[in-house]
Protein backbone atom coordinates (compact mmCIF):
# COMPACT_ATOMS: atom_id res chain seq x y z
CA MET A 1 0.00 0.00 0.00
CA GLU A 2 1.13 3.53 -0.70
CA GLU A 3 2.16 5.81 2.12
CA ALA A 4 -0.95 6.79 4.04
CA VAL A 5 -1.98 10.39 4.62
CA ARG A 6 -4.02 11.30 7.67
CA TRP A 7 -7.25 13.20 7.10
CA ASN A 8 -9.18 15.04 9.76
CA ILE A 9 -12.79 15.15 8.66
CA LYS A 10 -15.99 16.30 10.26
CA VAL A 11 -19.38 14.67 9.64
CA SER A 12 -22.73 14.89 11.38
CA LYS A 13 -23.51 12.50 14.23
CA GLU A 14 -26.29 11.06 12.08
CA THR A 15 -23.88 10.27 9.23
CA ASP A 16 -21.36 8.78 11.66
CA LEU A 17 -23.96 6.53 13.26
CA SER A 18 -25.42 5.48 9.91
CA LEU A 19 -22.02 4.58 8.48
CA ARG A 20 -20.81 2.73 11.58
CA THR A 21 -24.11 0.81 11.71
CA PHE A 22 -23.74 -0.08 8.04
CA LEU A 23 -20.11 -1.17 8.46
CA GLY A 24 -21.01 -3.25 11.50
CA ALA A 25 -23.83 -4.98 9.61
CA GLN A 26 -21.30 -5.83 6.87
CA GLY A 27 -19.00 -7.42 9.45
CA MET A 28 -16.46 -4.66 9.14
CA LYS A 29 -14.45 -3.45 12.09
CA LYS A 30 -13.36 -0.01 13.29
CA GLY A 31 -10.19 0.00 11.15
CA ASP A 32 -12.26 -0.63 8.03
CA LEU A 33 -13.64 2.92 8.12
CA SER A 34 -10.56 4.26 6.33
CA LYS A 35 -10.83 1.55 3.66
CA PHE A 36 -14.51 2.34 3.15
CA ILE A 37 -13.85 6.08 2.79
CA GLU A 38 -10.99 5.51 0.36
CA GLU A 39 -13.12 3.20 -1.81
CA ALA A 40 -16.05 5.64 -1.70
CA VAL A 41 -13.83 8.56 -2.74
CA ARG A 42 -12.29 6.55 -5.59
CA GLN A 43 -15.75 5.57 -6.86
CA PHE A 44 -17.03 9.13 -6.62
CA VAL A 45 -14.04 10.53 -8.50
CA PHE A 46 -14.33 7.82 -11.17
CA HIS A 47 -18.06 8.40 -11.71
CA ARG A 48 -17.64 12.18 -11.77
CA THR A 49 -14.85 11.80 -14.34
CA VAL A 50 -17.05 9.57 -16.49
CA GLN A 51 -19.89 12.09 -16.29
CA ASP A 52 -17.55 14.93 -17.25
CA ILE A 53 -16.28 12.96 -20.26
CA LYS A 54 -19.83 12.09 -21.34
CA THR A 55 -20.84 15.75 -21.10
CA ARG A 56 -17.75 16.89 -23.00
CA ASN A 57 -18.40 14.34 -25.77
CA ALA A 58 -22.19 14.68 -25.96
CA ASP A 59 -22.03 16.41 -29.34
CA ALA A 60 -19.22 14.27 -30.74
CA ASN A 61 -19.65 11.96 -33.71
CA PRO A 62 -20.19 8.42 -32.29
CA ALA A 63 -18.31 6.78 -35.17
CA GLU A 64 -15.32 9.07 -34.63
CA LEU A 65 -15.32 8.34 -30.87
CA GLU A 66 -15.46 4.62 -31.59
CA LYS A 67 -12.46 4.94 -33.90
CA ILE A 68 -10.48 6.86 -31.25
CA ILE A 69 -11.33 4.28 -28.58
CA ASP A 70 -10.43 1.35 -30.84
CA ASN A 71 -7.05 2.91 -31.67
CA ALA A 72 -6.29 3.58 -28.00
CA VAL A 73 -7.19 0.00 -27.04
CA ARG A 74 -5.00 -1.37 -29.84
CA GLU A 75 -2.04 0.73 -28.68
CA VAL A 76 -2.38 -0.34 -25.05
CA ARG A 77 -2.68 -4.01 -26.00
CA ALA A 78 0.39 -3.77 -28.23
CA GLU A 79 2.37 -2.17 -25.40
CA ARG A 80 1.28 -4.87 -22.96
CA ARG A 81 2.21 -7.63 -25.39
CA ALA A 82 5.64 -6.07 -25.92
CA LYS A 83 6.21 -5.76 -22.17
CA SER A 84 5.03 -9.33 -21.63
CA LYS A 85 7.46 -10.64 -24.26
CA MET A 86 10.32 -8.71 -22.70
CA ALA A 87 9.47 -10.01 -19.24
CA ARG A 88 9.47 -13.62 -20.49
CA LYS A 89 12.88 -13.15 -22.12
CA ALA A 90 14.40 -11.71 -18.94
C-alpha cells in the first residue's frame, strides 16, 4: 500500500452513526472505516470523471469516438504484449 496520509474530517452525528451501523452490519471493524472512505472517494471521483467525459463528448460523432477508442485500445494491447514478451525473455 502507498504511504498513508491522515485526514481530519468532520461529519454529522447522524452520518457517523449510519455509516458505523452499516459497516457493522457488513461485518467490518473499526479499522475498516478508512478503507470504506478511500473506496467511496475513488468511486465518486471515477463516476464524476465519467460524467464529465460524457458531457464533453455529448455532441461528438459516435463513429469518430469509436475509432479513437479502438485505436487507444489497440495501442495499449500492443504495449502490454511487448512488455510481456520482454518479461518472459528476462
